[in-house]
């Protein structure tokens, strides 16, 4: 029997963080939110929440960004990865998040501040599968090769990061309790293709 190799897959990073709810809960209670125009959730008024209300969480998140980029992805150490914006999402019963991705960003992340098993699943959608989404085949069983949607039920403290171009969505909340998650985008500074000094495709990002 032959072997299958999943070449050029989309990397998803996940880490379980320890959260101090005695610090987080009062901040969430006093935070200002507005209802999205799509009518399926709330967002914090501030788009820089990690520099303001939740600055206490920023060092922890930055540490995991470095772990993902330098220890897993193996980027050269001359790159600097910076959080460019951040906000809190609030979902009540019946809310969800439709399929979307994050523009003008390299990586995106979600830290779950408050949720339960009924708060809705995070799902990643493959818009460019092995057959270009041109055909809808039937399969004997689902696996990592033939599925176009991969999801999981998040827990409080879960931190998930992924390439910003990755399409994702959140299923309907069936919980009686509000779900809060902190979302953020990451950009990079540094010289691209620096290892090849004679290349004509170098780029400096500042």
C-alpha atoms as a PDB file:
ATOM      1  CA  UNK A   1       0.000   0.000   0.000  1.00  0.00           C
ATOM      2  CA  UNK A   2       1.391   3.382  -1.013  1.00  0.00           C
ATOM      3  CA  UNK A   3       1.883   6.477   1.138  1.00  0.00           C
ATOM      4  CA  UNK A   4       0.309   9.922   0.889  1.00  0.00           C
ATOM      5  CA  UNK A   5       2.252  13.098   1.688  1.00  0.00           C
ATOM      6  CA  UNK A   6       0.362  16.320   2.421  1.00  0.00           C
ATOM      7  CA  UNK A   7       2.570  18.693   0.441  1.00  0.00           C
ATOM      8  CA  UNK A   8       2.268  22.447   0.993  1.00  0.00           C
ATOM      9  CA  UNK A   9      -0.457  22.292   3.603  1.00  0.00           C
ATOM     10  CA  UNK A  10      -1.704  25.361   5.510  1.00  0.00           C
ATOM     11  CA  UNK A  11      -0.008  25.518   8.947  1.00  0.00           C
ATOM     12  CA  UNK A  12      -2.264  26.216  11.942  1.00  0.00           C
ATOM     13  CA  UNK A  13      -0.648  27.000  15.298  1.00  0.00           C
ATOM     14  CA  UNK A  14      -2.411  26.240  18.597  1.00  0.00           C
ATOM     15  CA  UNK A  15      -1.306  26.840  22.172  1.00  0.00           C
ATOM     16  CA  UNK A  16      -3.130  26.620  25.496  1.00  0.00           C
ATOM     17  CA  UNK A  17      -2.591  29.761  27.606  1.00  0.00           C
ATOM     18  CA  UNK A  18      -3.154  30.287  31.312  1.00  0.00           C
ATOM     19  CA  UNK A  19      -5.568  33.195  31.823  1.00  0.00           C
ATOM     20  CA  UNK A  20      -6.167  35.114  35.044  1.00  0.00           C
ATOM     21  CA  UNK A  21      -9.963  35.460  35.010  1.00  0.00           C
ATOM     22  CA  UNK A  22      -9.848  37.802  38.019  1.00  0.00           C
ATOM     23  CA  UNK A  23      -8.101  40.292  35.708  1.00  0.00           C
ATOM     24  CA  UNK A  24      -9.903  39.513  32.446  1.00  0.00           C
ATOM     25  CA  UNK A  25     -13.529  39.415  33.607  1.00  0.00           C
ATOM     26  CA  UNK A  26     -13.681  42.997  35.014  1.00  0.00           C
ATOM     27  CA  UNK A  27     -12.111  44.329  31.791  1.00  0.00           C
ATOM     28  CA  UNK A  28     -14.701  42.515  29.653  1.00  0.00           C
ATOM     29  CA  UNK A  29     -17.507  43.738  31.873  1.00  0.00           C
ATOM     30  CA  UNK A  30     -16.544  47.393  31.358  1.00  0.00           C
ATOM     31  CA  UNK A  31     -15.610  47.150  27.657  1.00  0.00           C
ATOM     32  CA  UNK A  32     -17.572  49.073  25.011  1.00  0.00           C
ATOM     33  CA  UNK A  33     -18.941  47.089  22.061  1.00  0.00           C
ATOM     34  CA  UNK A  34     -20.960  47.877  18.952  1.00  0.00           C
ATOM     35  CA  UNK A  35     -23.219  45.569  16.947  1.00  0.00           C
ATOM     36  CA  UNK A  36     -21.759  44.591  13.567  1.00  0.00           C
ATOM     37  CA  UNK A  37     -23.593  45.731  10.447  1.00  0.00           C
ATOM     38  CA  UNK A  38     -23.980  42.066   9.509  1.00  0.00           C
ATOM     39  CA  UNK A  39     -26.015  41.593  12.692  1.00  0.00           C
ATOM     40  CA  UNK A  40     -24.150  38.445  13.749  1.00  0.00           C
ATOM     41  CA  UNK A  41     -21.935  39.656  16.599  1.00  0.00           C
ATOM     42  CA  UNK A  42     -20.332  42.534  18.490  1.00  0.00           C
ATOM     43  CA  UNK A  43     -16.851  44.072  18.256  1.00  0.00           C
ATOM     44  CA  UNK A  44     -14.953  46.231  20.699  1.00  0.00           C
ATOM     45  CA  UNK A  45     -14.972  49.940  19.910  1.00  0.00           C
ATOM     46  CA  UNK A  46     -11.173  49.990  20.099  1.00  0.00           C
ATOM     47  CA  UNK A  47      -9.153  48.276  17.307  1.00  0.00           C
ATOM     48  CA  UNK A  48      -5.972  48.406  19.421  1.00  0.00           C
ATOM     49  CA  UNK A  49      -7.141  46.497  22.472  1.00  0.00           C
ATOM     50  CA  UNK A  50      -3.728  44.899  23.152  1.00  0.00           C
ATOM     51  CA  UNK A  51      -2.234  48.382  23.547  1.00  0.00           C
ATOM     52  CA  UNK A  52      -5.048  49.504  25.836  1.00  0.00           C
ATOM     53  CA  UNK A  53      -7.423  47.428  27.993  1.00  0.00           C
ATOM     54  CA  UNK A  54      -5.661  44.105  27.434  1.00  0.00           C
ATOM     55  CA  UNK A  55      -2.046  45.290  27.347  1.00  0.00           C
ATOM     56  CA  UNK A  56      -1.420  42.733  30.123  1.00  0.00           C
ATOM     57  CA  UNK A  57      -1.914  39.949  27.546  1.00  0.00           C
ATOM     58  CA  UNK A  58       0.361  41.364  24.857  1.00  0.00           C
ATOM     59  CA  UNK A  59       3.708  39.943  26.117  1.00  0.00           C
ATOM     60  CA  UNK A  60       2.201  36.450  26.354  1.00  0.00           C
ATOM     61  CA  UNK A  61       0.848  36.635  22.798  1.00  0.00           C
ATOM     62  CA  UNK A  62       4.093  38.087  21.444  1.00  0.00           C
ATOM     63  CA  UNK A  63       5.985  35.178  23.003  1.00  0.00           C
ATOM     64  CA  UNK A  64       3.790  32.687  21.138  1.00  0.00           C
ATOM     65  CA  UNK A  65       4.148  34.620  17.886  1.00  0.00           C
ATOM     66  CA  UNK A  66       7.920  34.277  18.238  1.00  0.00           C
ATOM     67  CA  UNK A  67       7.578  30.571  19.027  1.00  0.00           C
ATOM     68  CA  UNK A  68       5.461  29.990  15.920  1.00  0.00           C
ATOM     69  CA  UNK A  69       7.634  32.057  13.588  1.00  0.00           C
ATOM     70  CA  UNK A  70      11.127  31.175  14.790  1.00  0.00           C
ATOM     71  CA  UNK A  71      10.782  27.689  16.308  1.00  0.00           C
ATOM     72  CA  UNK A  72       8.104  26.182  14.040  1.00  0.00           C
ATOM     73  CA  UNK A  73       8.294  28.194  10.810  1.00  0.00           C
ATOM     74  CA  UNK A  74      12.072  28.692  11.143  1.00  0.00           C
ATOM     75  CA  UNK A  75      12.146  32.303   9.964  1.00  0.00           C
ATOM     76  CA  UNK A  76      15.549  33.992  10.131  1.00  0.00           C
ATOM     77  CA  UNK A  77      16.016  35.987  13.331  1.00  0.00           C
ATOM     78  CA  UNK A  78      16.465  39.305  11.492  1.00  0.00           C
ATOM     79  CA  UNK A  79      12.692  39.525  10.973  1.00  0.00           C
ATOM     80  CA  UNK A  80      10.514  41.363  13.475  1.00  0.00           C
ATOM     81  CA  UNK A  81       6.859  40.348  13.798  1.00  0.00           C
ATOM     82  CA  UNK A  82       4.572  43.060  15.155  1.00  0.00           C
ATOM     83  CA  UNK A  83       0.924  43.073  16.196  1.00  0.00           C
ATOM     84  CA  UNK A  84      -0.662  45.786  14.070  1.00  0.00           C
ATOM     85  CA  UNK A  85      -4.242  45.790  15.357  1.00  0.00           C
ATOM     86  CA  UNK A  86      -6.362  43.891  17.864  1.00  0.00           C
ATOM     87  CA  UNK A  87      -9.974  43.802  19.005  1.00  0.00           C
ATOM     88  CA  UNK A  88     -12.416  41.724  21.060  1.00  0.00           C
ATOM     89  CA  UNK A  89     -15.365  39.890  19.520  1.00  0.00           C
ATOM     90  CA  UNK A  90     -18.501  39.121  21.523  1.00  0.00           C
ATOM     91  CA  UNK A  91     -21.044  36.505  20.443  1.00  0.00           C
ATOM     92  CA  UNK A  92     -24.349  35.828  22.177  1.00  0.00           C
ATOM     93  CA  UNK A  93     -26.733  32.953  21.515  1.00  0.00           C
ATOM     94  CA  UNK A  94     -27.521  32.741  17.796  1.00  0.00           C
ATOM     95  CA  UNK A  95     -24.503  34.778  16.692  1.00  0.00           C
ATOM     96  CA  UNK A  96     -21.929  33.418  14.282  1.00  0.00           C
ATOM     97  CA  UNK A  97     -19.194  34.581  11.917  1.00  0.00           C
ATOM     98  CA  UNK A  98     -19.420  34.034   8.185  1.00  0.00           C
ATOM     99  CA  UNK A  99     -16.550  32.941   5.959  1.00  0.00           C
ATOM    100  CA  UNK A 100     -13.839  35.611   5.868  1.00  0.00           C
ATOM    101  CA  UNK A 101     -10.107  36.239   5.889  1.00  0.00           C
ATOM    102  CA  UNK A 102      -7.943  39.146   7.028  1.00  0.00           C
ATOM    103  CA  UNK A 103      -6.567  41.545   4.415  1.00  0.00           C
ATOM    104  CA  UNK A 104      -3.348  43.597   4.701  1.00  0.00           C
ATOM    105  CA  UNK A 105      -1.892  41.154   7.222  1.00  0.00           C
ATOM    106  CA  UNK A 106       0.574  38.254   7.263  1.00  0.00           C
ATOM    107  CA  UNK A 107      -0.667  36.207  10.230  1.00  0.00           C
ATOM    108  CA  UNK A 108      -3.851  36.412  12.278  1.00  0.00           C
ATOM    109  CA  UNK A 109      -4.721  34.994  15.667  1.00  0.00           C
ATOM    110  CA  UNK A 110      -7.551  34.365  18.112  1.00  0.00           C
ATOM    111  CA  UNK A 111      -7.284  34.076  21.894  1.00  0.00           C
ATOM    112  CA  UNK A 112     -10.404  32.678  23.574  1.00  0.00           C
ATOM    113  CA  UNK A 113     -11.144  34.647  26.747  1.00  0.00           C
ATOM    114  CA  UNK A 114     -14.539  33.152  27.603  1.00  0.00           C
ATOM    115  CA  UNK A 115     -16.361  30.284  25.918  1.00  0.00           C
ATOM    116  CA  UNK A 116     -17.920  26.878  26.481  1.00  0.00           C
ATOM    117  CA  UNK A 117     -18.598  23.803  24.346  1.00  0.00           C
ATOM    118  CA  UNK A 118     -21.762  25.383  22.896  1.00  0.00           C
ATOM    119  CA  UNK A 119     -20.214  28.763  21.950  1.00  0.00           C
ATOM    120  CA  UNK A 120     -19.584  27.783  18.332  1.00  0.00           C
ATOM    121  CA  UNK A 121     -16.794  25.942  16.512  1.00  0.00           C
ATOM    122  CA  UNK A 122     -13.915  27.616  14.699  1.00  0.00           C
ATOM    123  CA  UNK A 123     -13.746  26.227  11.159  1.00  0.00           C
ATOM    124  CA  UNK A 124     -11.129  26.671   8.449  1.00  0.00           C
ATOM    125  CA  UNK A 125     -12.251  26.443   4.827  1.00  0.00           C
ATOM    126  CA  UNK A 126     -10.104  25.212   1.926  1.00  0.00           C
ATOM    127  CA  UNK A 127     -11.012  27.294  -1.121  1.00  0.00           C
ATOM    128  CA  UNK A 128      -8.237  25.739  -3.226  1.00  0.00           C
ATOM    129  CA  UNK A 129      -8.428  21.982  -2.712  1.00  0.00           C
ATOM    130  CA  UNK A 130      -6.710  19.292  -4.747  1.00  0.00           C
ATOM    131  CA  UNK A 131      -9.213  19.613  -7.627  1.00  0.00           C
ATOM    132  CA  UNK A 132      -9.625  23.390  -7.438  1.00  0.00           C
ATOM    133  CA  UNK A 133     -13.120  22.998  -5.948  1.00  0.00           C
ATOM    134  CA  UNK A 134     -14.359  22.154  -9.435  1.00  0.00           C
ATOM    135  CA  UNK A 135     -15.935  18.812  -8.421  1.00  0.00           C
ATOM    136  CA  UNK A 136     -17.917  17.547  -5.416  1.00  0.00           C
ATOM    137  CA  UNK A 137     -16.940  13.905  -4.908  1.00  0.00           C
ATOM    138  CA  UNK A 138     -18.429  11.471  -2.392  1.00  0.00           C
ATOM    139  CA  UNK A 139     -15.973   9.728  -0.053  1.00  0.00           C
ATOM    140  CA  UNK A 140     -16.164   6.551   2.024  1.00  0.00           C
ATOM    141  CA  UNK A 141     -14.916   8.478   5.067  1.00  0.00           C
ATOM    142  CA  UNK A 142     -13.624  11.928   5.968  1.00  0.00           C
ATOM    143  CA  UNK A 143      -9.899  12.479   6.410  1.00  0.00           C
ATOM    144  CA  UNK A 144      -7.251  15.230   6.228  1.00  0.00           C
ATOM    145  CA  UNK A 145      -6.846  14.734   2.485  1.00  0.00           C
ATOM    146  CA  UNK A 146     -10.392  14.891   1.163  1.00  0.00           C
ATOM    147  CA  UNK A 147     -12.060  17.424   3.476  1.00  0.00           C
ATOM    148  CA  UNK A 148     -12.529  21.099   2.620  1.00  0.00           C
ATOM    149  CA  UNK A 149     -13.525  22.192   6.146  1.00  0.00           C
ATOM    150  CA  UNK A 150     -11.528  21.546   9.301  1.00  0.00           C
ATOM    151  CA  UNK A 151     -12.755  22.727  12.675  1.00  0.00           C
ATOM    152  CA  UNK A 152     -12.552  22.325  16.413  1.00  0.00           C
ATOM    153  CA  UNK A 153     -14.381  23.406  19.551  1.00  0.00           C
ATOM    154  CA  UNK A 154     -12.225  26.014  21.311  1.00  0.00           C
ATOM    155  CA  UNK A 155     -11.640  26.137  25.052  1.00  0.00           C
ATOM    156  CA  UNK A 156     -10.889  29.117  27.265  1.00  0.00           C
ATOM    157  CA  UNK A 157      -7.222  30.013  26.930  1.00  0.00           C
ATOM    158  CA  UNK A 158      -6.788  28.506  23.457  1.00  0.00           C
ATOM    159  CA  UNK A 159      -4.621  30.637  21.181  1.00  0.00           C
ATOM    160  CA  UNK A 160      -4.876  29.859  17.466  1.00  0.00           C
ATOM    161  CA  UNK A 161      -2.742  31.513  14.769  1.00  0.00           C
ATOM    162  CA  UNK A 162      -2.747  31.040  11.005  1.00  0.00           C
ATOM    163  CA  UNK A 163      -1.853  32.764   7.711  1.00  0.00           C
ATOM    164  CA  UNK A 164      -4.218  35.724   7.309  1.00  0.00           C
ATOM    165  CA  UNK A 165      -5.291  34.567   3.850  1.00  0.00           C
ATOM    166  CA  UNK A 166      -6.841  31.428   5.361  1.00  0.00           C
ATOM    167  CA  UNK A 167     -10.624  31.462   5.058  1.00  0.00           C
ATOM    168  CA  UNK A 168     -12.361  30.748   8.364  1.00  0.00           C
ATOM    169  CA  UNK A 169     -15.747  30.982  10.023  1.00  0.00           C
ATOM    170  CA  UNK A 170     -17.535  30.371  13.338  1.00  0.00           C
ATOM    171  CA  UNK A 171     -20.691  28.272  13.675  1.00  0.00           C
ATOM    172  CA  UNK A 172     -23.798  29.476  15.514  1.00  0.00           C
ATOM    173  CA  UNK A 173     -23.527  29.883  19.259  1.00  0.00           C
ATOM    174  CA  UNK A 174     -26.007  27.710  21.173  1.00  0.00           C
ATOM    175  CA  UNK A 175     -24.717  28.846  24.547  1.00  0.00           C
ATOM    176  CA  UNK A 176     -26.652  30.825  27.133  1.00  0.00           C
ATOM    177  CA  UNK A 177     -23.391  32.614  27.971  1.00  0.00           C
ATOM    178  CA  UNK A 178     -21.555  35.236  25.916  1.00  0.00           C
ATOM    179  CA  UNK A 179     -18.419  34.177  24.094  1.00  0.00           C
ATOM    180  CA  UNK A 180     -15.467  36.582  24.097  1.00  0.00           C
ATOM    181  CA  UNK A 181     -12.365  36.202  21.970  1.00  0.00           C
ATOM    182  CA  UNK A 182      -9.479  38.533  21.249  1.00  0.00           C
ATOM    183  CA  UNK A 183      -8.475  38.736  17.581  1.00  0.00           C
ATOM    184  CA  UNK A 184      -5.311  40.284  16.175  1.00  0.00           C
ATOM    185  CA  UNK A 185      -3.286  40.705  12.996  1.00  0.00           C
ATOM    186  CA  UNK A 186       0.488  40.436  12.642  1.00  0.00           C
ATOM    187  CA  UNK A 187       2.810  42.143  10.154  1.00  0.00           C
ATOM    188  CA  UNK A 188       6.549  41.760   9.541  1.00  0.00           C
ATOM    189  CA  UNK A 189       9.515  44.102   9.334  1.00  0.00           C
ATOM    190  CA  UNK A 190      12.812  43.158   7.730  1.00  0.00           C
ATOM    191  CA  UNK A 191      14.617  42.387   4.483  1.00  0.00           C
ATOM    192  CA  UNK A 192      13.143  39.651   2.312  1.00  0.00           C
ATOM    193  CA  UNK A 193      15.415  37.363   0.304  1.00  0.00           C
ATOM    194  CA  UNK A 194      18.441  38.714   2.210  1.00  0.00           C
ATOM    195  CA  UNK A 195      20.182  35.331   1.922  1.00  0.00           C
ATOM    196  CA  UNK A 196      20.631  35.921  -1.810  1.00  0.00           C
ATOM    197  CA  UNK A 197      22.494  39.271  -2.086  1.00  0.00           C
ATOM    198  CA  UNK A 198      22.693  39.162  -5.883  1.00  0.00           C
ATOM    199  CA  UNK A 199      18.992  38.515  -6.399  1.00  0.00           C
ATOM    200  CA  UNK A 200      16.879  41.205  -8.067  1.00  0.00           C
ATOM    201  CA  UNK A 201      13.815  40.248  -6.010  1.00  0.00           C
ATOM    202  CA  UNK A 202      14.829  41.626  -2.607  1.00  0.00           C
ATOM    203  CA  UNK A 203      12.360  43.687  -0.610  1.00  0.00           C
ATOM    204  CA  UNK A 204      12.693  45.732   2.577  1.00  0.00           C
ATOM    205  CA  UNK A 205       9.588  46.062   4.733  1.00  0.00           C
ATOM    206  CA  UNK A 206       9.538  48.725   7.461  1.00  0.00           C
END
